[in-house]
Protein backbone atom coordinates (compact mmCIF):
# COMPACT_ATOMS: atom_id res chain seq x y z
CA MET A 1 0.01 -0.24 -0.16
CA ASN A 2 1.20 3.48 -0.70
CA VAL A 3 -0.52 6.86 0.71
CA ASP A 4 -0.24 10.04 -1.50
CA GLY A 5 1.73 12.38 0.00
CA CYS A 6 4.19 10.07 1.88
CA ALA A 7 8.12 10.14 1.88
CA PRO A 8 8.48 7.27 -0.63
CA ASN A 9 10.31 5.42 1.61
CA MET A 10 7.71 5.24 4.54
CA VAL A 11 5.63 1.68 4.62
CA VAL A 12 2.56 2.02 5.46
CA VAL A 13 1.25 -0.47 7.66
CA ALA A 14 -2.23 1.06 8.22
CA SER A 15 -4.57 3.69 7.30
CA ASP A 16 -7.83 4.55 7.89
CA PRO A 17 -9.40 5.23 3.92
CA GLN A 18 -12.62 6.77 5.94
CA ALA A 19 -11.08 9.03 7.80
CA SER A 20 -11.22 12.03 4.88
CA SER A 21 -15.09 11.45 4.90
CA LEU A 22 -15.33 11.34 8.66
CA GLY A 23 -16.47 14.93 10.08
CA PRO A 24 -14.16 17.34 12.21
CA LYS A 25 -15.51 16.38 15.85
CA ASP A 26 -15.23 12.65 14.30
CA ARG A 27 -11.59 12.55 13.63
CA VAL A 28 -10.17 13.59 16.99
CA GLY A 29 -9.70 9.72 17.83
CA VAL A 30 -8.67 8.61 14.20
CA ILE A 31 -4.65 8.09 13.44
CA ASP A 32 -4.91 8.58 9.71
CA VAL A 33 -1.68 6.50 8.94
CA ILE A 34 0.29 4.48 10.90
CA GLY A 35 3.88 3.57 9.17
CA HIS A 36 7.22 2.50 9.19
CA ASP A 37 10.04 4.77 7.92
CA PRO A 38 13.46 2.39 6.97
CA LYS A 39 15.49 4.91 5.99
CA THR A 40 14.97 6.70 10.31
CA ASP A 41 13.30 3.54 11.63
CA GLU A 42 11.04 5.98 13.33
CA VAL A 43 7.24 4.92 13.65
CA VAL A 44 5.24 7.30 12.07
CA LEU A 45 1.82 8.85 12.85
CA VAL A 46 0.51 10.86 9.81
CA MET A 47 -2.35 13.26 10.76
CA ASN A 48 -4.20 15.13 7.88
CA GLU A 49 -5.68 18.45 7.78
CA ALA A 50 -6.99 19.66 4.69
CA ARG A 51 -8.78 22.22 6.49
CA PRO A 52 -7.29 25.84 5.45
CA TRP A 53 -7.05 27.21 9.11
CA ASP A 54 -9.59 29.52 11.10
CA LEU A 55 -7.67 30.28 13.89
CA SER A 56 -11.29 29.70 15.49
CA ASP A 57 -10.97 28.46 19.80
CA ALA A 58 -12.73 25.34 18.72
CA ARG A 59 -10.22 24.59 15.73
CA LEU A 60 -7.23 24.77 17.95
CA HIS A 61 -9.23 22.20 20.94
CA GLU A 62 -9.41 19.88 18.09
CA LEU A 63 -5.72 20.01 16.95
CA GLN A 64 -4.59 19.57 20.56
CA GLU A 65 -7.36 16.97 21.09
CA ARG A 66 -5.63 14.78 18.08
CA PHE A 67 -2.20 15.15 19.23
CA ASN A 68 -3.52 14.04 22.47
CA ALA A 69 -4.59 10.81 20.82
CA TYR A 70 -1.67 10.53 18.68
CA VAL A 71 0.95 10.58 21.98
CA SER A 72 -1.78 8.30 24.09
CA PHE A 73 -2.09 5.86 21.30
CA LEU A 74 2.66 6.10 21.64
CA LEU A 75 3.10 6.23 25.39
CA ASP A 76 -0.33 4.37 26.44
CA GLY A 77 0.52 0.94 25.55
CA GLU A 78 -2.34 0.95 22.61
CA LEU A 79 0.54 0.81 19.64
CA ALA A 80 2.20 -1.88 21.54
CA GLU A 81 -0.89 -4.40 22.43
CA TRP A 82 -1.60 -3.40 18.52
CA ASN A 83 2.61 -3.82 17.27
CA PRO A 84 4.65 -4.96 19.70
CA GLN A 85 7.76 -4.88 16.80
CA LEU A 86 7.11 -0.61 15.85
CA ALA A 87 6.14 0.15 19.70
CA LYS A 88 9.98 -0.10 20.33
CA LYS A 89 10.88 1.83 17.42
CA PRO A 90 11.34 5.80 18.02
CA ALA A 91 8.35 7.92 16.66
CA ARG A 92 7.47 10.74 14.86
CA ILE A 93 3.59 12.67 14.11
CA GLU A 94 3.87 14.37 10.99
CA LEU A 95 1.15 17.03 10.88
CA ARG A 96 0.21 16.98 6.98
CA CYS A 97 -1.61 20.10 6.12
CA ALA A 98 -2.97 21.95 3.27
CA ASP A 99 -1.88 25.42 4.23
CA THR A 100 0.24 27.21 6.20
CA PRO A 101 -0.39 26.99 9.97
CA ASP A 102 0.24 30.83 11.44
CA GLY A 103 -0.61 33.14 14.39
CA ARG A 104 -2.04 30.97 17.09
CA VAL A 105 -1.88 27.40 15.25
CA LEU A 106 2.08 28.58 14.77
CA ASP A 107 2.00 29.34 18.87
CA LEU A 108 -0.12 26.18 19.69
CA LEU A 109 2.41 23.26 17.41
CA GLY A 110 5.30 25.02 19.05
CA VAL A 111 4.40 24.37 22.47
CA ILE A 112 3.65 20.75 21.93
CA HIS A 113 6.63 20.09 19.62
CA ASP A 114 8.44 21.02 22.99
CA ARG A 115 6.08 19.02 24.58
CA LEU A 116 6.75 15.96 22.63
CA ALA A 117 10.27 16.26 23.05
CA PHE A 118 10.49 15.62 26.61
CA GLN A 119 9.21 12.53 25.31
CA GLU A 120 11.09 11.88 22.86
CA ILE A 121 8.58 12.20 20.19
CA LYS A 122 9.90 13.87 17.05
CA MET A 123 7.10 16.11 15.14
CA GLU A 124 7.43 17.57 11.88
CA VAL A 125 4.69 19.52 9.81
CA ILE A 126 4.45 19.64 6.06
CA VAL A 127 2.63 21.68 4.39
CA GLY A 128 0.84 21.11 1.04
CA ARG A 129 1.10 17.61 0.97
CA VAL A 130 -2.30 15.91 2.29
CA GLY A 131 -2.02 11.98 1.20
CA ARG A 132 -5.23 10.01 0.92
CA PRO A 133 -4.39 6.55 1.12
CA VAL A 134 -4.42 4.36 -1.98
CA ALA A 135 -3.55 0.70 -2.88
CA SER A 136 -0.85 -0.05 -4.88
CA ALA A 137 1.84 -2.79 -5.74
């Protein structure tokens, strides 16, 4: 399986093809893509955000809740239950968004980045590469 917009060397372990069709509130607990980057030997959780940033309090809260769900998956044993081999690897969360975050979104992402660093979880923001899962050989 390949995912549009993901690094060509990333091996996709799981993706939720229905995630993009869910409403914003329904996506809070959904991890869009779980992969393994053999180049860095990291487990990668991809969070796709195709909507433009509106800077509202509700939108910022939703983004924070999504990150909380991703971190919980990594740290609270869900990844270890699902795939013990991947759970032993360093982790990276990629926020893939259609538009460049600015203002309050950037401030929030900076705080999230710093807090994740304490947990030894990397975070990257990738603009313009929101992927959709597609099957391929």
